[in-house]
N, C-alpha and C. Protein backbone atom coordinates (compact mmCIF):
# COMPACT_ATOMS: atom_id res chain seq x y z
N MET A 1 0.82 -1.18 0.00
CA MET A 1 0.00 0.00 0.00
C MET A 1 0.87 1.26 0.00
N ALA A 2 2.09 1.15 0.51
CA ALA A 2 2.98 2.31 0.53
C ALA A 2 3.26 2.79 -0.88
N LYS A 3 3.38 1.86 -1.82
CA LYS A 3 3.65 2.23 -3.20
C LYS A 3 2.50 3.06 -3.77
N LEU A 4 1.28 2.67 -3.48
CA LEU A 4 0.11 3.42 -3.93
C LEU A 4 0.11 4.82 -3.34
N LYS A 5 0.43 4.93 -2.07
CA LYS A 5 0.49 6.23 -1.41
C LYS A 5 1.56 7.10 -2.05
N ASP A 6 2.71 6.50 -2.37
CA ASP A 6 3.79 7.25 -3.03
C ASP A 6 3.32 7.80 -4.38
N ILE A 7 2.61 6.97 -5.11
CA ILE A 7 2.10 7.40 -6.42
C ILE A 7 1.11 8.55 -6.24
N GLU A 8 0.25 8.42 -5.24
CA GLU A 8 -0.73 9.48 -4.97
C GLU A 8 -0.03 10.80 -4.64
N VAL A 9 0.97 10.74 -3.78
CA VAL A 9 1.71 11.95 -3.39
C VAL A 9 2.32 12.61 -4.62
N GLU A 10 2.94 11.80 -5.48
CA GLU A 10 3.56 12.34 -6.70
C GLU A 10 2.50 12.90 -7.65
N ALA A 11 1.39 12.21 -7.79
CA ALA A 11 0.32 12.66 -8.69
C ALA A 11 -0.24 14.00 -8.24
N LEU A 12 -0.36 14.19 -6.94
CA LEU A 12 -0.90 15.45 -6.42
C LEU A 12 0.04 16.63 -6.64
N LYS A 13 1.28 16.36 -6.96
CA LYS A 13 2.24 17.42 -7.27
C LYS A 13 2.07 17.94 -8.70
N LEU A 14 1.35 17.19 -9.53
CA LEU A 14 1.14 17.58 -10.92
C LEU A 14 0.19 18.77 -11.00
N SER A 15 0.24 19.45 -12.13
CA SER A 15 -0.71 20.54 -12.36
C SER A 15 -2.12 19.96 -12.48
N ALA A 16 -3.11 20.81 -12.34
CA ALA A 16 -4.50 20.35 -12.45
C ALA A 16 -4.74 19.71 -13.81
N TYR A 17 -4.18 20.30 -14.85
CA TYR A 17 -4.34 19.77 -16.20
C TYR A 17 -3.75 18.36 -16.30
N ASP A 18 -2.54 18.19 -15.82
CA ASP A 18 -1.89 16.88 -15.88
C ASP A 18 -2.61 15.85 -15.01
N ARG A 19 -3.12 16.28 -13.86
CA ARG A 19 -3.90 15.35 -13.01
C ARG A 19 -5.16 14.91 -13.74
N ALA A 20 -5.79 15.84 -14.45
CA ALA A 20 -7.00 15.49 -15.21
C ALA A 20 -6.67 14.49 -16.31
N LEU A 21 -5.56 14.70 -17.00
CA LEU A 21 -5.14 13.74 -18.03
C LEU A 21 -4.85 12.37 -17.43
N LEU A 22 -4.16 12.36 -16.30
CA LEU A 22 -3.85 11.10 -15.62
C LEU A 22 -5.14 10.40 -15.20
N ALA A 23 -6.06 11.16 -14.63
CA ALA A 23 -7.33 10.58 -14.19
C ALA A 23 -8.08 9.98 -15.38
N GLU A 24 -8.09 10.69 -16.49
CA GLU A 24 -8.77 10.18 -17.69
C GLU A 24 -8.13 8.87 -18.16
N ARG A 25 -6.83 8.83 -18.18
CA ARG A 25 -6.12 7.62 -18.62
C ARG A 25 -6.39 6.44 -17.68
N LEU A 26 -6.40 6.71 -16.38
CA LEU A 26 -6.68 5.64 -15.42
C LEU A 26 -8.10 5.11 -15.58
N ILE A 27 -9.06 6.03 -15.74
CA ILE A 27 -10.45 5.61 -15.92
C ILE A 27 -10.60 4.82 -17.21
N ASN A 28 -9.99 5.30 -18.29
CA ASN A 28 -10.06 4.57 -19.56
C ASN A 28 -9.45 3.19 -19.46
N SER A 29 -8.40 3.05 -18.66
CA SER A 29 -7.78 1.73 -18.51
C SER A 29 -8.73 0.76 -17.82
N LEU A 30 -9.56 1.26 -16.92
CA LEU A 30 -10.54 0.40 -16.25
C LEU A 30 -11.66 0.03 -17.19
N GLU A 31 -12.13 1.00 -17.96
CA GLU A 31 -13.23 0.75 -18.87
C GLU A 31 -12.86 -0.27 -19.93
N SER A 32 -11.67 -0.20 -20.48
CA SER A 32 -11.30 -1.14 -21.53
C SER A 32 -11.23 -2.56 -21.00
N GLU A 33 -10.75 -2.74 -19.76
CA GLU A 33 -10.73 -4.08 -19.17
C GLU A 33 -12.15 -4.57 -18.94
N ASP A 34 -13.00 -3.71 -18.41
CA ASP A 34 -14.38 -4.09 -18.16
C ASP A 34 -15.10 -4.42 -19.45
N ASP A 35 -14.88 -3.60 -20.50
CA ASP A 35 -15.55 -3.84 -21.77
C ASP A 35 -15.18 -5.20 -22.34
N THR A 36 -13.92 -5.57 -22.22
CA THR A 36 -13.48 -6.86 -22.73
C THR A 36 -14.16 -7.99 -21.98
N ASP A 37 -14.22 -7.88 -20.67
CA ASP A 37 -14.88 -8.91 -19.86
C ASP A 37 -16.36 -8.99 -20.17
N VAL A 38 -17.01 -7.84 -20.27
CA VAL A 38 -18.44 -7.81 -20.54
C VAL A 38 -18.72 -8.37 -21.92
N GLU A 39 -17.93 -7.98 -22.90
CA GLU A 39 -18.12 -8.48 -24.25
C GLU A 39 -17.97 -10.01 -24.28
N LYS A 40 -16.97 -10.52 -23.60
CA LYS A 40 -16.75 -11.97 -23.56
C LYS A 40 -17.95 -12.67 -22.92
N LEU A 41 -18.47 -12.10 -21.83
CA LEU A 41 -19.63 -12.70 -21.16
C LEU A 41 -20.86 -12.68 -22.06
N TRP A 42 -21.07 -11.59 -22.80
CA TRP A 42 -22.23 -11.52 -23.70
C TRP A 42 -22.10 -12.53 -24.84
N VAL A 43 -20.90 -12.71 -25.36
CA VAL A 43 -20.70 -13.71 -26.42
C VAL A 43 -21.03 -15.10 -25.88
N GLU A 44 -20.55 -15.40 -24.68
CA GLU A 44 -20.86 -16.70 -24.06
C GLU A 44 -22.36 -16.87 -23.86
N GLU A 45 -23.03 -15.81 -23.39
CA GLU A 45 -24.47 -15.86 -23.17
C GLU A 45 -25.21 -16.07 -24.49
N ALA A 46 -24.80 -15.34 -25.53
CA ALA A 46 -25.44 -15.48 -26.83
C ALA A 46 -25.26 -16.89 -27.38
N GLU A 47 -24.07 -17.44 -27.23
CA GLU A 47 -23.81 -18.81 -27.70
C GLU A 47 -24.66 -19.82 -26.93
N ARG A 48 -24.78 -19.62 -25.62
CA ARG A 48 -25.60 -20.52 -24.81
C ARG A 48 -27.06 -20.45 -25.24
N ARG A 49 -27.57 -19.24 -25.45
CA ARG A 49 -28.97 -19.08 -25.87
C ARG A 49 -29.22 -19.68 -27.24
N TYR A 50 -28.29 -19.47 -28.16
CA TYR A 50 -28.44 -20.01 -29.51
C TYR A 50 -28.45 -21.53 -29.48
N LYS A 51 -27.58 -22.10 -28.68
CA LYS A 51 -27.53 -23.56 -28.54
C LYS A 51 -28.86 -24.10 -28.01
N GLU A 52 -29.40 -23.43 -26.97
CA GLU A 52 -30.69 -23.86 -26.41
C GLU A 52 -31.80 -23.73 -27.45
N TYR A 53 -31.75 -22.67 -28.25
CA TYR A 53 -32.74 -22.48 -29.31
C TYR A 53 -32.64 -23.61 -30.34
N LYS A 54 -31.42 -23.89 -30.80
CA LYS A 54 -31.22 -24.94 -31.81
C LYS A 54 -31.63 -26.31 -31.30
N GLU A 55 -31.47 -26.54 -30.00
CA GLU A 55 -31.83 -27.83 -29.40
C GLU A 55 -33.30 -27.90 -29.03
N GLY A 56 -34.05 -26.82 -29.27
CA GLY A 56 -35.47 -26.80 -28.96
C GLY A 56 -35.78 -26.74 -27.47
N LYS A 57 -34.85 -26.25 -26.69
CA LYS A 57 -35.03 -26.21 -25.24
C LYS A 57 -35.77 -24.96 -24.76
N VAL A 58 -35.95 -23.99 -25.64
CA VAL A 58 -36.62 -22.75 -25.25
C VAL A 58 -37.80 -22.48 -26.17
N LYS A 59 -38.81 -21.82 -25.60
CA LYS A 59 -39.97 -21.43 -26.38
C LYS A 59 -39.66 -20.07 -27.02
N VAL A 60 -39.86 -19.97 -28.31
CA VAL A 60 -39.60 -18.70 -29.00
C VAL A 60 -40.92 -18.03 -29.35
N ARG A 61 -40.90 -16.70 -29.32
CA ARG A 61 -42.08 -15.90 -29.66
C ARG A 61 -41.64 -14.75 -30.55
N PRO A 62 -42.53 -14.28 -31.41
CA PRO A 62 -42.17 -13.13 -32.24
C PRO A 62 -41.86 -11.90 -31.38
N ALA A 63 -40.88 -11.12 -31.80
CA ALA A 63 -40.48 -9.93 -31.05
C ALA A 63 -41.65 -8.97 -30.87
N ALA A 64 -42.47 -8.79 -31.91
CA ALA A 64 -43.61 -7.87 -31.82
C ALA A 64 -44.56 -8.28 -30.70
N GLU A 65 -44.75 -9.57 -30.53
CA GLU A 65 -45.63 -10.08 -29.47
C GLU A 65 -45.04 -9.76 -28.09
N VAL A 66 -43.78 -10.00 -27.92
CA VAL A 66 -43.11 -9.76 -26.63
C VAL A 66 -43.10 -8.27 -26.31
N ILE A 67 -42.78 -7.44 -27.29
CA ILE A 67 -42.74 -5.99 -27.07
C ILE A 67 -44.13 -5.46 -26.77
N GLY A 68 -45.14 -5.93 -27.51
CA GLY A 68 -46.51 -5.52 -27.24
C GLY A 68 -46.95 -5.87 -25.84
N GLU A 69 -46.60 -7.05 -25.39
CA GLU A 69 -46.94 -7.49 -24.03
C GLU A 69 -46.24 -6.60 -22.99
N ALA A 70 -44.99 -6.27 -23.24
CA ALA A 70 -44.25 -5.41 -22.31
C ALA A 70 -44.88 -4.02 -22.23
N PHE A 71 -45.25 -3.45 -23.38
CA PHE A 71 -45.88 -2.13 -23.38
C PHE A 71 -47.22 -2.15 -22.66
N SER A 72 -48.00 -3.20 -22.84
CA SER A 72 -49.30 -3.26 -22.18
C SER A 72 -49.15 -3.35 -20.66
N LYS A 73 -48.09 -3.99 -20.19
CA LYS A 73 -47.85 -4.08 -18.75
C LYS A 73 -47.41 -2.74 -18.17
N LEU A 74 -46.79 -1.90 -18.99
CA LEU A 74 -46.34 -0.60 -18.52
C LEU A 74 -47.47 0.41 -18.40
N GLN A 75 -48.57 0.17 -19.09
CA GLN A 75 -49.68 1.14 -19.08
C GLN A 75 -50.63 0.91 -17.95
């Protein structure tokens, strides 16, 4: 944890502009990791759903029917 504190102390010595750039880069580094994980999970979910559909394990309905039902429940 001392290393993190050292980095924080040094970062706070930067100008406001440079701190903003650093903050943006740090946030972007988190988002790109999260996006990759989320994308991978969605691909796995889509593959699982498609497999269940092809195997006849799920009941399918037209999108218009499902959307209409959802709208009627909201009213």
